[in-house]
Amino acid sequence: NKYIYGLFCGRNREELLNSEINSTTVYVFD
C-alpha cells in the first residue's frame, strides 16, 4: 500500500547459468 518493491537482477544469461546468484538487491519506490 505504501511502496513498490523491485527485485533487480543486473546479470546476463551466462552469469546466471554459471552461478546460483540471481538477485540480491531490492529497489523501493513510492
PDB file of all heavy atoms in Angstrom:
ATOM      1  N   ASN A   1       0.828  -1.212   0.000  1.00  0.00           N
ATOM      2  CA  ASN A   1       0.000   0.000   0.000  1.00  0.00           C
ATOM      3  C   ASN A   1       0.857   1.255   0.000  1.00  0.00           C
ATOM      4  O   ASN A   1       0.431   2.303  -0.470  1.00  0.00           O
ATOM      5  CB  ASN A   1      -0.921   0.000   1.223  1.00  0.00           C
ATOM      6  CG  ASN A   1      -2.030  -1.016   1.102  1.00  0.00           C
ATOM      7  OD1 ASN A   1      -2.696  -1.097   0.076  1.00  0.00           O
ATOM      8  ND2 ASN A   1      -2.232  -1.808   2.148  1.00  0.00           N
ATOM      9  N   LYS A   2       2.099   1.121   0.501  1.00  0.00           N
ATOM     10  CA  LYS A   2       2.979   2.278   0.613  1.00  0.00           C
ATOM     11  C   LYS A   2       4.015   2.346  -0.494  1.00  0.00           C
ATOM     12  O   LYS A   2       4.278   3.422  -1.050  1.00  0.00           O
ATOM     13  CB  LYS A   2       3.676   2.224   1.976  1.00  0.00           C
ATOM     14  CG  LYS A   2       4.433   3.476   2.360  1.00  0.00           C
ATOM     15  CD  LYS A   2       4.973   3.358   3.786  1.00  0.00           C
ATOM     16  CE  LYS A   2       5.700   4.624   4.210  1.00  0.00           C
ATOM     17  NZ  LYS A   2       6.248   4.514   5.587  1.00  0.00           N
ATOM     18  N   TYR A   3       4.617   1.182  -0.848  1.00  0.00           N
ATOM     19  CA  TYR A   3       5.750   1.179  -1.759  1.00  0.00           C
ATOM     20  C   TYR A   3       5.622   0.128  -2.866  1.00  0.00           C
ATOM     21  O   TYR A   3       4.863  -0.840  -2.750  1.00  0.00           O
ATOM     22  CB  TYR A   3       7.048   0.895  -0.991  1.00  0.00           C
ATOM     23  CG  TYR A   3       7.469   1.958  -0.016  1.00  0.00           C
ATOM     24  CD1 TYR A   3       7.761   1.635   1.314  1.00  0.00           C
ATOM     25  CD2 TYR A   3       7.609   3.287  -0.409  1.00  0.00           C
ATOM     26  CE1 TYR A   3       8.179   2.602   2.214  1.00  0.00           C
ATOM     27  CE2 TYR A   3       8.014   4.266   0.488  1.00  0.00           C
ATOM     28  CZ  TYR A   3       8.299   3.918   1.800  1.00  0.00           C
ATOM     29  OH  TYR A   3       8.707   4.878   2.688  1.00  0.00           O
ATOM     30  N   ILE A   4       6.439   0.344  -3.897  1.00  0.00           N
ATOM     31  CA  ILE A   4       6.695  -0.632  -4.956  1.00  0.00           C
ATOM     32  C   ILE A   4       8.060  -1.255  -4.671  1.00  0.00           C
ATOM     33  O   ILE A   4       9.035  -0.535  -4.406  1.00  0.00           O
ATOM     34  CB  ILE A   4       6.715   0.051  -6.335  1.00  0.00           C
ATOM     35  CG1 ILE A   4       5.374   0.712  -6.646  1.00  0.00           C
ATOM     36  CG2 ILE A   4       7.099  -0.943  -7.440  1.00  0.00           C
ATOM     37  CD1 ILE A   4       5.431   1.674  -7.814  1.00  0.00           C
ATOM     38  N   TYR A   5       8.152  -2.585  -4.745  1.00  0.00           N
ATOM     39  CA  TYR A   5       9.400  -3.293  -4.457  1.00  0.00           C
ATOM     40  C   TYR A   5       9.838  -4.046  -5.712  1.00  0.00           C
ATOM     41  O   TYR A   5       9.116  -4.914  -6.201  1.00  0.00           O
ATOM     42  CB  TYR A   5       9.207  -4.277  -3.313  1.00  0.00           C
ATOM     43  CG  TYR A   5       8.707  -3.654  -2.031  1.00  0.00           C
ATOM     44  CD1 TYR A   5       7.344  -3.407  -1.851  1.00  0.00           C
ATOM     45  CD2 TYR A   5       9.582  -3.307  -1.010  1.00  0.00           C
ATOM     46  CE1 TYR A   5       6.871  -2.831  -0.680  1.00  0.00           C
ATOM     47  CE2 TYR A   5       9.123  -2.738   0.168  1.00  0.00           C
ATOM     48  CZ  TYR A   5       7.764  -2.493   0.325  1.00  0.00           C
ATOM     49  OH  TYR A   5       7.296  -1.912   1.492  1.00  0.00           O
ATOM     50  N   GLY A   6      11.013  -3.718  -6.235  1.00  0.00           N
ATOM     51  CA  GLY A   6      11.524  -4.365  -7.433  1.00  0.00           C
ATOM     52  C   GLY A   6      12.801  -5.132  -7.147  1.00  0.00           C
ATOM     53  O   GLY A   6      13.811  -4.540  -6.717  1.00  0.00           O
ATOM     54  N   LEU A   7      12.773  -6.459  -7.376  1.00  0.00           N
ATOM     55  CA  LEU A   7      13.963  -7.301  -7.186  1.00  0.00           C
ATOM     56  C   LEU A   7      14.795  -7.225  -8.455  1.00  0.00           C
ATOM     57  O   LEU A   7      14.390  -7.725  -9.503  1.00  0.00           O
ATOM     58  CB  LEU A   7      13.531  -8.737  -6.894  1.00  0.00           C
ATOM     59  CG  LEU A   7      14.647  -9.768  -6.690  1.00  0.00           C
ATOM     60  CD1 LEU A   7      15.458  -9.455  -5.439  1.00  0.00           C
ATOM     61  CD2 LEU A   7      14.062 -11.174  -6.621  1.00  0.00           C
ATOM     62  N   PHE A   8      15.977  -6.623  -8.354  1.00  0.00           N
ATOM     63  CA  PHE A   8      16.775  -6.334  -9.545  1.00  0.00           C
ATOM     64  C   PHE A   8      17.850  -7.391  -9.761  1.00  0.00           C
ATOM     65  O   PHE A   8      18.562  -7.785  -8.829  1.00  0.00           O
ATOM     66  CB  PHE A   8      17.432  -4.960  -9.430  1.00  0.00           C
ATOM     67  CG  PHE A   8      18.064  -4.499 -10.712  1.00  0.00           C
ATOM     68  CD1 PHE A   8      17.275  -4.062 -11.763  1.00  0.00           C
ATOM     69  CD2 PHE A   8      19.442  -4.535 -10.873  1.00  0.00           C
ATOM     70  CE1 PHE A   8      17.853  -3.650 -12.955  1.00  0.00           C
ATOM     71  CE2 PHE A   8      20.022  -4.122 -12.063  1.00  0.00           C
ATOM     72  CZ  PHE A   8      19.226  -3.681 -13.102  1.00  0.00           C
ATOM     73  N   CYS A   9      17.989  -7.822 -11.011  1.00  0.00           N
ATOM     74  CA  CYS A   9      18.969  -8.855 -11.365  1.00  0.00           C
ATOM     75  C   CYS A   9      20.296  -8.223 -11.803  1.00  0.00           C
ATOM     76  O   CYS A   9      21.299  -8.355 -11.112  1.00  0.00           O
ATOM     77  CB  CYS A   9      18.400  -9.747 -12.464  1.00  0.00           C
ATOM     78  SG  CYS A   9      19.531 -11.028 -13.028  1.00  0.00           S
ATOM     79  N   GLY A  10      20.324  -7.600 -12.974  1.00  0.00           N
ATOM     80  CA  GLY A  10      21.546  -6.957 -13.457  1.00  0.00           C
ATOM     81  C   GLY A  10      22.602  -7.923 -13.947  1.00  0.00           C
ATOM     82  O   GLY A  10      23.764  -7.541 -14.135  1.00  0.00           O
ATOM     83  N   ARG A  11      22.242  -9.185 -14.194  1.00  0.00           N
ATOM     84  CA  ARG A  11      23.186 -10.199 -14.664  1.00  0.00           C
ATOM     85  C   ARG A  11      22.719 -10.749 -16.002  1.00  0.00           C
ATOM     86  O   ARG A  11      21.517 -10.817 -16.270  1.00  0.00           O
ATOM     87  CB  ARG A  11      23.320 -11.335 -13.637  1.00  0.00           C
ATOM     88  CG  ARG A  11      23.950 -10.888 -12.335  1.00  0.00           C
ATOM     89  CD  ARG A  11      23.848 -11.960 -11.263  1.00  0.00           C
ATOM     90  NE  ARG A  11      24.587 -11.590 -10.065  1.00  0.00           N
ATOM     91  CZ  ARG A  11      24.127 -10.769  -9.117  1.00  0.00           C
ATOM     92  NH1 ARG A  11      22.913 -10.231  -9.239  1.00  0.00           N
ATOM     93  NH2 ARG A  11      24.862 -10.475  -8.073  1.00  0.00           N
ATOM     94  N   ASN A  12      23.673 -11.179 -16.823  1.00  0.00           N
ATOM     95  CA  ASN A  12      23.293 -11.709 -18.136  1.00  0.00           C
ATOM     96  C   ASN A  12      23.073 -13.215 -18.056  1.00  0.00           C
ATOM     97  O   ASN A  12      23.285 -13.847 -17.012  1.00  0.00           O
ATOM     98  CB  ASN A  12      24.328 -11.343 -19.202  1.00  0.00           C
ATOM     99  CG  ASN A  12      25.713 -11.896 -18.903  1.00  0.00           C
ATOM    100  OD1 ASN A  12      25.860 -12.994 -18.384  1.00  0.00           O
ATOM    101  ND2 ASN A  12      26.746 -11.121 -19.236  1.00  0.00           N
ATOM    102  N   ARG A  13      22.699 -13.795 -19.182  1.00  0.00           N
ATOM    103  CA  ARG A  13      22.329 -15.210 -19.223  1.00  0.00           C
ATOM    104  C   ARG A  13      23.486 -16.127 -18.806  1.00  0.00           C
ATOM    105  O   ARG A  13      23.305 -17.064 -18.038  1.00  0.00           O
ATOM    106  CB  ARG A  13      21.862 -15.572 -20.633  1.00  0.00           C
ATOM    107  CG  ARG A  13      21.345 -16.995 -20.789  1.00  0.00           C
ATOM    108  CD  ARG A  13      20.725 -17.183 -22.166  1.00  0.00           C
ATOM    109  NE  ARG A  13      20.272 -18.551 -22.355  1.00  0.00           N
ATOM    110  CZ  ARG A  13      21.017 -19.529 -22.827  1.00  0.00           C
ATOM    111  NH1 ARG A  13      22.292 -19.296 -23.161  1.00  0.00           N
ATOM    112  NH2 ARG A  13      20.526 -20.751 -22.979  1.00  0.00           N
ATOM    113  N   GLU A  14      24.683 -15.823 -19.292  1.00  0.00           N
ATOM    114  CA  GLU A  14      25.838 -16.658 -18.965  1.00  0.00           C
ATOM    115  C   GLU A  14      26.148 -16.610 -17.471  1.00  0.00           C
ATOM    116  O   GLU A  14      26.455 -17.633 -16.854  1.00  0.00           O
ATOM    117  CB  GLU A  14      27.055 -16.213 -19.771  1.00  0.00           C
ATOM    118  CG  GLU A  14      28.274 -17.101 -19.571  1.00  0.00           C
ATOM    119  CD  GLU A  14      29.459 -16.684 -20.427  1.00  0.00           C
ATOM    120  OE1 GLU A  14      29.305 -15.735 -21.233  1.00  0.00           O
ATOM    121  OE2 GLU A  14      30.532 -17.294 -20.278  1.00  0.00           O
ATOM    122  N   GLU A  15      26.069 -15.419 -16.895  1.00  0.00           N
ATOM    123  CA  GLU A  15      26.343 -15.278 -15.463  1.00  0.00           C
ATOM    124  C   GLU A  15      25.321 -16.052 -14.633  1.00  0.00           C
ATOM    125  O   GLU A  15      25.670 -16.660 -13.617  1.00  0.00           O
ATOM    126  CB  GLU A  15      26.319 -13.800 -15.078  1.00  0.00           C
ATOM    127  CG  GLU A  15      27.505 -13.012 -15.618  1.00  0.00           C
ATOM    128  CD  GLU A  15      27.356 -11.522 -15.411  1.00  0.00           C
ATOM    129  OE1 GLU A  15      26.219 -11.008 -15.522  1.00  0.00           O
ATOM    130  OE2 GLU A  15      28.388 -10.856 -15.148  1.00  0.00           O
ATOM    131  N   LEU A  16      24.068 -16.051 -15.064  1.00  0.00           N
ATOM    132  CA  LEU A  16      23.035 -16.780 -14.340  1.00  0.00           C
ATOM    133  C   LEU A  16      23.218 -18.288 -14.451  1.00  0.00           C
ATOM    134  O   LEU A  16      22.970 -19.029 -13.494  1.00  0.00           O
ATOM    135  CB  LEU A  16      21.646 -16.372 -14.852  1.00  0.00           C
ATOM    136  CG  LEU A  16      21.231 -14.922 -14.576  1.00  0.00           C
ATOM    137  CD1 LEU A  16      19.905 -14.615 -15.252  1.00  0.00           C
ATOM    138  CD2 LEU A  16      21.125 -14.663 -13.082  1.00  0.00           C
ATOM    139  N   LEU A  17      23.651 -18.754 -15.626  1.00  0.00           N
ATOM    140  CA  LEU A  17      23.852 -20.186 -15.833  1.00  0.00           C
ATOM    141  C   LEU A  17      25.021 -20.729 -15.022  1.00  0.00           C
ATOM    142  O   LEU A  17      25.019 -21.884 -14.600  1.00  0.00           O
ATOM    143  CB  LEU A  17      24.073 -20.480 -17.315  1.00  0.00           C
ATOM    144  CG  LEU A  17      22.843 -20.368 -18.228  1.00  0.00           C
ATOM    145  CD1 LEU A  17      23.245 -20.526 -19.683  1.00  0.00           C
ATOM    146  CD2 LEU A  17      21.787 -21.406 -17.860  1.00  0.00           C
ATOM    147  N   ASN A  18      26.029 -19.891 -14.807  1.00  0.00           N
ATOM    148  CA  ASN A  18      27.259 -20.346 -14.146  1.00  0.00           C
ATOM    149  C   ASN A  18      27.315 -20.013 -12.656  1.00  0.00           C
ATOM    150  O   ASN A  18      28.366 -20.137 -12.028  1.00  0.00           O
ATOM    151  CB  ASN A  18      28.478 -19.736 -14.848  1.00  0.00           C
ATOM    152  CG  ASN A  18      28.624 -20.240 -16.270  1.00  0.00           C
ATOM    153  OD1 ASN A  18      28.326 -21.402 -16.550  1.00  0.00           O
ATOM    154  ND2 ASN A  18      29.066 -19.375 -17.165  1.00  0.00           N
ATOM    155  N   SER A  19      26.203 -19.598 -12.097  1.00  0.00           N
ATOM    156  CA  SER A  19      26.192 -19.215 -10.693  1.00  0.00           C
ATOM    157  C   SER A  19      24.809 -19.449 -10.098  1.00  0.00           C
ATOM    158  O   SER A  19      23.810 -19.497 -10.816  1.00  0.00           O
ATOM    159  CB  SER A  19      26.586 -17.741 -10.549  1.00  0.00           C
ATOM    160  OG  SER A  19      26.390 -17.284  -9.233  1.00  0.00           O
ATOM    161  N   GLU A  20      24.761 -19.584  -8.783  1.00  0.00           N
ATOM    162  CA  GLU A  20      23.480 -19.669  -8.088  1.00  0.00           C
ATOM    163  C   GLU A  20      22.951 -18.294  -7.719  1.00  0.00           C
ATOM    164  O   GLU A  20      21.869 -18.171  -7.148  1.00  0.00           O
ATOM    165  CB  GLU A  20      23.635 -20.516  -6.811  1.00  0.00           C
ATOM    166  CG  GLU A  20      23.955 -21.982  -7.072  1.00  0.00           C
ATOM    167  CD  GLU A  20      24.120 -22.776  -5.792  1.00  0.00           C
ATOM    168  OE1 GLU A  20      24.079 -22.158  -4.707  1.00  0.00           O
ATOM    169  OE2 GLU A  20      24.282 -24.009  -5.858  1.00  0.00           O
ATOM    170  N   ILE A  21      23.707 -17.262  -8.056  1.00  0.00           N
ATOM    171  CA  ILE A  21      23.303 -15.895  -7.723  1.00  0.00           C
ATOM    172  C   ILE A  21      22.386 -15.349  -8.811  1.00  0.00           C
ATOM    173  O   ILE A  21      22.731 -15.327  -9.991  1.00  0.00           O
ATOM    174  CB  ILE A  21      24.523 -14.965  -7.568  1.00  0.00           C
ATOM    175  CG1 ILE A  21      25.498 -15.523  -6.527  1.00  0.00           C
ATOM    176  CG2 ILE A  21      24.072 -13.558  -7.178  1.00  0.00           C
ATOM    177  CD1 ILE A  21      24.907 -15.648  -5.145  1.00  0.00           C
ATOM    178  N   ASN A  22      21.215 -14.901  -8.414  1.00  0.00           N
ATOM    179  CA  ASN A  22      20.269 -14.276  -9.337  1.00  0.00           C
ATOM    180  C   ASN A  22      20.116 -12.794  -9.007  1.00  0.00           C
ATOM    181  O   ASN A  22      20.574 -11.946  -9.742  1.00  0.00           O
ATOM    182  CB  ASN A  22      18.916 -15.000  -9.258  1.00  0.00           C
ATOM    183  CG  ASN A  22      17.892 -14.483 -10.256  1.00  0.00           C
ATOM    184  OD1 ASN A  22      17.825 -13.292 -10.518  1.00  0.00           O
ATOM    185  ND2 ASN A  22      17.091 -15.371 -10.798  1.00  0.00           N
ATOM    186  N   SER A  23      19.486 -12.520  -7.870  1.00  0.00           N
ATOM    187  CA  SER A  23      19.229 -11.131  -7.483  1.00  0.00           C
ATOM    188  C   SER A  23      19.456 -10.955  -5.987  1.00  0.00           C
ATOM    189  O   SER A  23      18.948 -11.741  -5.186  1.00  0.00           O
ATOM    190  CB  SER A  23      17.789 -10.738  -7.833  1.00  0.00           C
ATOM    191  OG  SER A  23      17.519 -10.932  -9.196  1.00  0.00           O
ATOM    192  N   THR A  24      20.195  -9.916  -5.634  1.00  0.00           N
ATOM    193  CA  THR A  24      20.478  -9.644  -4.225  1.00  0.00           C
ATOM    194  C   THR A  24      20.152  -8.201  -3.840  1.00  0.00           C
ATOM    195  O   THR A  24      20.563  -7.741  -2.771  1.00  0.00           O
ATOM    196  CB  THR A  24      21.953  -9.925  -3.897  1.00  0.00           C
ATOM    197  OG1 THR A  24      22.791  -9.128  -4.755  1.00  0.00           O
ATOM    198  CG2 THR A  24      22.286 -11.399  -4.090  1.00  0.00           C
ATOM    199  N   THR A  25      19.418  -7.497  -4.706  1.00  0.00           N
ATOM    200  CA  THR A  25      19.097  -6.094  -4.450  1.00  0.00           C
ATOM    201  C   THR A  25      17.622  -5.838  -4.724  1.00  0.00           C
ATOM    202  O   THR A  25      17.090  -6.271  -5.743  1.00  0.00           O
ATOM    203  CB  THR A  25      19.935  -5.157  -5.337  1.00  0.00           C
ATOM    204  OG1 THR A  25      21.320  -5.433  -5.137  1.00  0.00           O
ATOM    205  CG2 THR A  25      19.663  -3.703  -4.997  1.00  0.00           C
ATOM    206  N   VAL A  26      16.981  -5.127  -3.811  1.00  0.00           N
ATOM    207  CA  VAL A  26      15.593  -4.698  -4.000  1.00  0.00           C
ATOM    208  C   VAL A  26      15.570  -3.177  -4.000  1.00  0.00           C
ATOM    209  O   VAL A  26      16.063  -2.532  -3.065  1.00  0.00           O
ATOM    210  CB  VAL A  26      14.671  -5.229  -2.883  1.00  0.00           C
ATOM    211  CG1 VAL A  26      13.259  -4.667  -3.034  1.00  0.00           C
ATOM    212  CG2 VAL A  26      14.645  -6.754  -2.900  1.00  0.00           C
ATOM    213  N   TYR A  27      15.025  -2.597  -5.065  1.00  0.00           N
ATOM    214  CA  TYR A  27      14.837  -1.150  -5.117  1.00  0.00           C
ATOM    215  C   TYR A  27      13.398  -0.830  -4.721  1.00  0.00           C
ATOM    216  O   TYR A  27      12.455  -1.486  -5.170  1.00  0.00           O
ATOM    217  CB  TYR A  27      15.134  -0.618  -6.517  1.00  0.00           C
ATOM    218  CG  TYR A  27      16.596  -0.770  -6.895  1.00  0.00           C
ATOM    219  CD1 TYR A  27      16.983  -1.592  -7.941  1.00  0.00           C
ATOM    220  CD2 TYR A  27      17.582  -0.101  -6.179  1.00  0.00           C
ATOM    221  CE1 TYR A  27      18.325  -1.743  -8.278  1.00  0.00           C
ATOM    222  CE2 TYR A  27      18.927  -0.245  -6.505  1.00  0.00           C
ATOM    223  CZ  TYR A  27      19.287  -1.061  -7.550  1.00  0.00           C
ATOM    224  OH  TYR A  27      20.608  -1.219  -7.863  1.00  0.00           O
ATOM    225  N   VAL A  28      13.263   0.190  -3.869  1.00  0.00           N
ATOM    226  CA  VAL A  28      11.964   0.545  -3.306  1.00  0.00           C
ATOM    227  C   VAL A  28      11.583   1.948  -3.782  1.00  0.00           C
ATOM    228  O   VAL A  28      12.388   2.882  -3.686  1.00  0.00           O
ATOM    229  CB  VAL A  28      11.998   0.501  -1.765  1.00  0.00           C
ATOM    230  CG1 VAL A  28      10.616   0.789  -1.193  1.00  0.00           C
ATOM    231  CG2 VAL A  28      12.505  -0.866  -1.287  1.00  0.00           C
ATOM    232  N   PHE A  29      10.340   2.076  -4.279  1.00  0.00           N
ATOM    233  CA  PHE A  29       9.848   3.346  -4.821  1.00  0.00           C
ATOM    234  C   PHE A  29       8.494   3.680  -4.198  1.00  0.00           C
ATOM    235  O   PHE A  29       7.738   2.778  -3.808  1.00  0.00           O
ATOM    236  CB  PHE A  29       9.655   3.256  -6.346  1.00  0.00           C
ATOM    237  CG  PHE A  29      10.815   2.647  -7.077  1.00  0.00           C
ATOM    238  CD1 PHE A  29      10.862   1.277  -7.314  1.00  0.00           C
ATOM    239  CD2 PHE A  29      11.863   3.428  -7.531  1.00  0.00           C
ATOM    240  CE1 PHE A  29      11.923   0.699  -7.984  1.00  0.00           C
ATOM    241  CE2 PHE A  29      12.937   2.861  -8.204  1.00  0.00           C
ATOM    242  CZ  PHE A  29      12.971   1.489  -8.421  1.00  0.00           C
ATOM    243  N   ASP A  30       8.183   4.980  -4.140  1.00  0.00           N
ATOM    244  CA  ASP A  30       6.815   5.347  -3.801  1.00  0.00           C
ATOM    245  C   ASP A  30       5.993   5.412  -5.086  1.00  0.00           C
ATOM    246  O   ASP A  30       6.531   5.243  -6.192  1.00  0.00           O
ATOM    247  CB  ASP A  30       6.759   6.664  -3.008  1.00  0.00           C
ATOM    248  CG  ASP A  30       7.300   7.873  -3.774  1.00  0.00           C
ATOM    249  OD1 ASP A  30       7.303   7.850  -5.026  1.00  0.00           O
ATOM    250  OD2 ASP A  30       7.729   8.844  -3.118  1.00  0.00           O
TER     251      ASP A  30
END
